[in-house]
Each structure stands twice: as structure tokens, then as C-alpha cells.
């Protein structure tokens, strides 16, 4: 009888930690992916149901800032090649000629590919950063800065 009691005590002491360890680890009934695709929302009688918020964009996508001044960048580059090529700076005055805006630098006049939003720079001294297309004397505008 003494051996049987010792054997049962040893068995309980060996199995007890294993049983406790299994209870400590959560055993999900549903895969995690199934929970992440559901949109569970509980509404009370006083609340108005509203749509679930949009998911966040990927990290590599820039988020547009509404309070960023639009004169920081007049227009995006025309194609990916101009993004990689070095930009040049041209200083002069933006003038309107035949309904189109141009940059007048001394005796030379350059056409500007971006016409949107240039009315605020009309007859003002500016520095235009961009890539010059020598064949058509057109500047592919990247940035326009007012000179004081």
C-alpha cells in the first residue's frame, strides 16, 4: 500500500505541471486570419451606425498633407526620366505671352510645361527648378520659389 501511495503521489506531481502548462497557452478556436478579415461592431440603440474606417495605405505610399502649401511644387515631373536626371535652376520673371506663361531671363525666354497655378507668380521674380528641353526651350518644372 505504501508503494502504491508513493507511486500515485509521484504520478500526480509529474503530471500536474504538464496540465497547468497546457491551460496557460491559449488554444484559439478560429484561425487569426479569420478574425482580422471580419469587422465586428456593436451598436447601442442610441448610436447611429457608421461605416468602418478605411484601412491604412501601405507604408511606402506618401500620405498627402492638406495644409501643405501648394506653391512648394508647381507640377510633378513629366516622366520618370526627368526625376532621375539632375535639375537646373533658372532665375527670371514669369510673364504671360499669348495666353501661356513663360519664364523671361534677360534676353532669353523659356516655355513652361506646367501652366496650372502660375497666375500667382505672374510678373514676379522667381527661381524655377527643372529640366530644360533644349530642342523646344521648354522647362519641365519641378519647383518654383519666389525671390524676395
C-alpha atoms as a PDB file:
ATOM      1  CA  UNK A   1       0.000   0.000   0.000  1.00  0.00           C
ATOM      2  CA  UNK A   2       2.844   2.354   0.778  1.00  0.00           C
ATOM      3  CA  UNK A   3       4.349   1.774  -2.676  1.00  0.00           C
ATOM      4  CA  UNK A   4       1.025   2.441  -4.369  1.00  0.00           C
ATOM      5  CA  UNK A   5       0.581   5.728  -2.491  1.00  0.00           C
ATOM      6  CA  UNK A   6       4.129   6.828  -3.340  1.00  0.00           C
ATOM      7  CA  UNK A   7       3.595   5.875  -6.983  1.00  0.00           C
ATOM      8  CA  UNK A   8       0.318   7.848  -7.190  1.00  0.00           C
ATOM      9  CA  UNK A   9       1.892  10.883  -5.477  1.00  0.00           C
ATOM     10  CA  UNK A  10       4.837  10.828  -7.907  1.00  0.00           C
ATOM     11  CA  UNK A  11       2.457  10.494 -10.865  1.00  0.00           C
ATOM     12  CA  UNK A  12       0.345  13.471  -9.714  1.00  0.00           C
ATOM     13  CA  UNK A  13       3.457  15.613  -9.124  1.00  0.00           C
ATOM     14  CA  UNK A  14       4.782  14.800 -12.625  1.00  0.00           C
ATOM     15  CA  UNK A  15       1.525  15.319 -14.488  1.00  0.00           C
ATOM     16  CA  UNK A  16       0.341  18.449 -12.645  1.00  0.00           C
ATOM     17  CA  UNK A  17       2.894  20.871 -14.241  1.00  0.00           C
ATOM     18  CA  UNK A  18       2.059  19.497 -17.712  1.00  0.00           C
ATOM     19  CA  UNK A  19      -1.653  20.068 -17.177  1.00  0.00           C
ATOM     20  CA  UNK A  20      -1.070  23.619 -15.908  1.00  0.00           C
ATOM     21  CA  UNK A  21       1.243  24.441 -18.854  1.00  0.00           C
ATOM     22  CA  UNK A  22      -1.452  23.395 -21.352  1.00  0.00           C
ATOM     23  CA  UNK A  23      -4.025  25.652 -19.696  1.00  0.00           C
ATOM     24  CA  UNK A  24      -1.633  28.642 -19.770  1.00  0.00           C
ATOM     25  CA  UNK A  25      -1.239  28.525 -23.575  1.00  0.00           C
ATOM     26  CA  UNK A  26      -4.264  29.845 -25.440  1.00  0.00           C
ATOM     27  CA  UNK A  27      -5.694  27.413 -27.944  1.00  0.00           C
ATOM     28  CA  UNK A  28      -7.627  29.513 -30.463  1.00  0.00           C
ATOM     29  CA  UNK A  29     -10.794  28.004 -31.863  1.00  0.00           C
ATOM     30  CA  UNK A  30     -10.633  30.195 -35.009  1.00  0.00           C
ATOM     31  CA  UNK A  31      -7.520  30.998 -37.076  1.00  0.00           C
ATOM     32  CA  UNK A  32      -6.161  34.525 -36.564  1.00  0.00           C
ATOM     33  CA  UNK A  33      -6.654  35.408 -40.230  1.00  0.00           C
ATOM     34  CA  UNK A  34     -10.379  34.792 -39.964  1.00  0.00           C
ATOM     35  CA  UNK A  35     -10.692  37.342 -37.149  1.00  0.00           C
ATOM     36  CA  UNK A  36      -8.709  40.032 -38.953  1.00  0.00           C
ATOM     37  CA  UNK A  37     -10.997  39.996 -42.002  1.00  0.00           C
ATOM     38  CA  UNK A  38     -14.212  40.472 -40.034  1.00  0.00           C
ATOM     39  CA  UNK A  39     -15.460  43.863 -38.988  1.00  0.00           C
ATOM     40  CA  UNK A  40     -17.368  43.312 -35.794  1.00  0.00           C
ATOM     41  CA  UNK A  41     -19.134  46.389 -34.482  1.00  0.00           C
ATOM     42  CA  UNK A  42     -21.684  46.505 -31.665  1.00  0.00           C
ATOM     43  CA  UNK A  43     -24.131  49.417 -31.733  1.00  0.00           C
ATOM     44  CA  UNK A  44     -26.378  50.561 -28.944  1.00  0.00           C
ATOM     45  CA  UNK A  45     -29.899  51.868 -29.586  1.00  0.00           C
ATOM     46  CA  UNK A  46     -28.713  55.494 -29.165  1.00  0.00           C
ATOM     47  CA  UNK A  47     -25.858  55.352 -31.691  1.00  0.00           C
ATOM     48  CA  UNK A  48     -26.089  55.845 -35.418  1.00  0.00           C
ATOM     49  CA  UNK A  49     -24.360  53.090 -37.393  1.00  0.00           C
ATOM     50  CA  UNK A  50     -21.376  54.393 -39.338  1.00  0.00           C
ATOM     51  CA  UNK A  51     -19.140  52.637 -41.861  1.00  0.00           C
ATOM     52  CA  UNK A  52     -15.935  51.049 -40.654  1.00  0.00           C
ATOM     53  CA  UNK A  53     -12.815  53.206 -41.175  1.00  0.00           C
ATOM     54  CA  UNK A  54     -10.710  52.720 -44.306  1.00  0.00           C
ATOM     55  CA  UNK A  55      -7.570  50.627 -43.872  1.00  0.00           C
ATOM     56  CA  UNK A  56      -4.274  52.492 -43.756  1.00  0.00           C
ATOM     57  CA  UNK A  57      -2.290  52.752 -47.008  1.00  0.00           C
ATOM     58  CA  UNK A  58       0.979  50.798 -47.343  1.00  0.00           C
ATOM     59  CA  UNK A  59       3.978  52.340 -45.605  1.00  0.00           C
ATOM     60  CA  UNK A  60       5.761  53.224 -48.852  1.00  0.00           C
ATOM     61  CA  UNK A  61       2.817  55.309 -50.147  1.00  0.00           C
ATOM     62  CA  UNK A  62       3.148  59.024 -49.279  1.00  0.00           C
ATOM     63  CA  UNK A  63       0.176  60.499 -47.472  1.00  0.00           C
ATOM     64  CA  UNK A  64      -0.974  63.846 -48.927  1.00  0.00           C
ATOM     65  CA  UNK A  65      -0.965  66.680 -46.425  1.00  0.00           C
ATOM     66  CA  UNK A  66      -3.928  69.084 -46.799  1.00  0.00           C
ATOM     67  CA  UNK A  67      -2.231  72.046 -45.080  1.00  0.00           C
ATOM     68  CA  UNK A  68       0.957  71.802 -47.165  1.00  0.00           C
ATOM     69  CA  UNK A  69       1.326  74.932 -49.349  1.00  0.00           C
ATOM     70  CA  UNK A  70       0.728  74.144 -52.993  1.00  0.00           C
ATOM     71  CA  UNK A  71       3.386  76.578 -54.231  1.00  0.00           C
ATOM     72  CA  UNK A  72       6.132  74.270 -52.966  1.00  0.00           C
ATOM     73  CA  UNK A  73       5.780  72.185 -56.103  1.00  0.00           C
ATOM     74  CA  UNK A  74       4.052  73.580 -59.170  1.00  0.00           C
ATOM     75  CA  UNK A  75       3.769  70.284 -61.057  1.00  0.00           C
ATOM     76  CA  UNK A  76       5.124  66.737 -60.901  1.00  0.00           C
ATOM     77  CA  UNK A  77       7.839  65.749 -63.364  1.00  0.00           C
ATOM     78  CA  UNK A  78       6.544  64.812 -66.801  1.00  0.00           C
ATOM     79  CA  UNK A  79       8.091  61.344 -66.817  1.00  0.00           C
ATOM     80  CA  UNK A  80      10.293  59.122 -64.613  1.00  0.00           C
ATOM     81  CA  UNK A  81      13.399  60.018 -66.656  1.00  0.00           C
ATOM     82  CA  UNK A  82      13.263  63.629 -65.503  1.00  0.00           C
ATOM     83  CA  UNK A  83      13.068  62.515 -61.889  1.00  0.00           C
ATOM     84  CA  UNK A  84      16.409  60.777 -62.156  1.00  0.00           C
ATOM     85  CA  UNK A  85      18.173  63.441 -64.230  1.00  0.00           C
ATOM     86  CA  UNK A  86      19.666  66.449 -62.442  1.00  0.00           C
ATOM     87  CA  UNK A  87      17.602  69.611 -62.329  1.00  0.00           C
ATOM     88  CA  UNK A  88      18.772  73.081 -63.232  1.00  0.00           C
ATOM     89  CA  UNK A  89      17.774  76.422 -61.728  1.00  0.00           C
ATOM     90  CA  UNK A  90      16.589  79.349 -63.820  1.00  0.00           C
ATOM     91  CA  UNK A  91      16.039  82.819 -62.345  1.00  0.00           C
ATOM     92  CA  UNK A  92      13.763  85.325 -64.013  1.00  0.00           C
ATOM     93  CA  UNK A  93      10.258  86.733 -64.204  1.00  0.00           C
ATOM     94  CA  UNK A  94       7.126  84.806 -65.144  1.00  0.00           C
ATOM     95  CA  UNK A  95       5.215  86.616 -67.883  1.00  0.00           C
ATOM     96  CA  UNK A  96       2.097  85.787 -69.873  1.00  0.00           C
ATOM     97  CA  UNK A  97       2.524  85.597 -73.647  1.00  0.00           C
ATOM     98  CA  UNK A  98      -0.362  84.588 -75.952  1.00  0.00           C
ATOM     99  CA  UNK A  99      -2.271  83.077 -73.027  1.00  0.00           C
ATOM    100  CA  UNK A 100       0.672  80.912 -71.871  1.00  0.00           C
ATOM    101  CA  UNK A 101       3.100  81.528 -69.032  1.00  0.00           C
ATOM    102  CA  UNK A 102       6.806  81.791 -69.836  1.00  0.00           C
ATOM    103  CA  UNK A 103       9.972  82.480 -67.874  1.00  0.00           C
ATOM    104  CA  UNK A 104      11.863  85.535 -69.090  1.00  0.00           C
ATOM    105  CA  UNK A 105      15.537  85.591 -68.072  1.00  0.00           C
ATOM    106  CA  UNK A 106      17.280  88.638 -69.542  1.00  0.00           C
ATOM    107  CA  UNK A 107      17.151  88.238 -73.343  1.00  0.00           C
ATOM    108  CA  UNK A 108      16.103  84.549 -73.257  1.00  0.00           C
ATOM    109  CA  UNK A 109      12.526  83.305 -72.839  1.00  0.00           C
ATOM    110  CA  UNK A 110      11.659  79.726 -71.838  1.00  0.00           C
ATOM    111  CA  UNK A 111       8.315  77.970 -72.163  1.00  0.00           C
ATOM    112  CA  UNK A 112       6.998  76.288 -69.005  1.00  0.00           C
ATOM    113  CA  UNK A 113       5.392  72.846 -69.278  1.00  0.00           C
ATOM    114  CA  UNK A 114       3.240  73.354 -66.164  1.00  0.00           C
ATOM    115  CA  UNK A 115       0.634  76.085 -66.697  1.00  0.00           C
ATOM    116  CA  UNK A 116      -1.625  75.358 -63.728  1.00  0.00           C
ATOM    117  CA  UNK A 117      -1.309  77.698 -60.761  1.00  0.00           C
ATOM    118  CA  UNK A 118       1.224  80.010 -62.402  1.00  0.00           C
ATOM    119  CA  UNK A 119      -1.104  83.011 -62.258  1.00  0.00           C
ATOM    120  CA  UNK A 120       0.048  83.731 -58.695  1.00  0.00           C
ATOM    121  CA  UNK A 121       3.648  84.133 -59.955  1.00  0.00           C
ATOM    122  CA  UNK A 122       2.789  86.427 -62.888  1.00  0.00           C
ATOM    123  CA  UNK A 123       5.164  89.440 -63.132  1.00  0.00           C
ATOM    124  CA  UNK A 124       7.155  88.259 -60.093  1.00  0.00           C
ATOM    125  CA  UNK A 125      10.813  87.264 -59.810  1.00  0.00           C
ATOM    126  CA  UNK A 126      11.144  83.533 -59.277  1.00  0.00           C
ATOM    127  CA  UNK A 127      13.623  80.680 -59.293  1.00  0.00           C
ATOM    128  CA  UNK A 128      12.371  77.761 -61.379  1.00  0.00           C
ATOM    129  CA  UNK A 129      13.954  74.358 -60.798  1.00  0.00           C
ATOM    130  CA  UNK A 130      13.535  71.817 -63.547  1.00  0.00           C
ATOM    131  CA  UNK A 131      14.956  70.082 -66.585  1.00  0.00           C
ATOM    132  CA  UNK A 132      15.499  72.068 -69.785  1.00  0.00           C
ATOM    133  CA  UNK A 133      14.437  70.534 -73.081  1.00  0.00           C
ATOM    134  CA  UNK A 134      16.891  72.329 -75.382  1.00  0.00           C
ATOM    135  CA  UNK A 135      15.039  71.362 -78.565  1.00  0.00           C
ATOM    136  CA  UNK A 136      11.905  73.331 -77.653  1.00  0.00           C
ATOM    137  CA  UNK A 137      13.316  75.688 -74.966  1.00  0.00           C
ATOM    138  CA  UNK A 138      10.777  74.217 -72.530  1.00  0.00           C
ATOM    139  CA  UNK A 139      11.478  73.811 -68.822  1.00  0.00           C
ATOM    140  CA  UNK A 140       9.920  70.724 -67.214  1.00  0.00           C
ATOM    141  CA  UNK A 141       9.015  72.402 -63.911  1.00  0.00           C
ATOM    142  CA  UNK A 142       9.827  70.632 -60.654  1.00  0.00           C
ATOM    143  CA  UNK A 143       9.663  73.543 -58.223  1.00  0.00           C
ATOM    144  CA  UNK A 144       9.070  77.301 -58.220  1.00  0.00           C
ATOM    145  CA  UNK A 145      10.343  79.602 -55.456  1.00  0.00           C
ATOM    146  CA  UNK A 146       9.518  83.290 -55.087  1.00  0.00           C
ATOM    147  CA  UNK A 147      12.530  85.597 -54.798  1.00  0.00           C
ATOM    148  CA  UNK A 148      12.331  88.498 -52.384  1.00  0.00           C
END
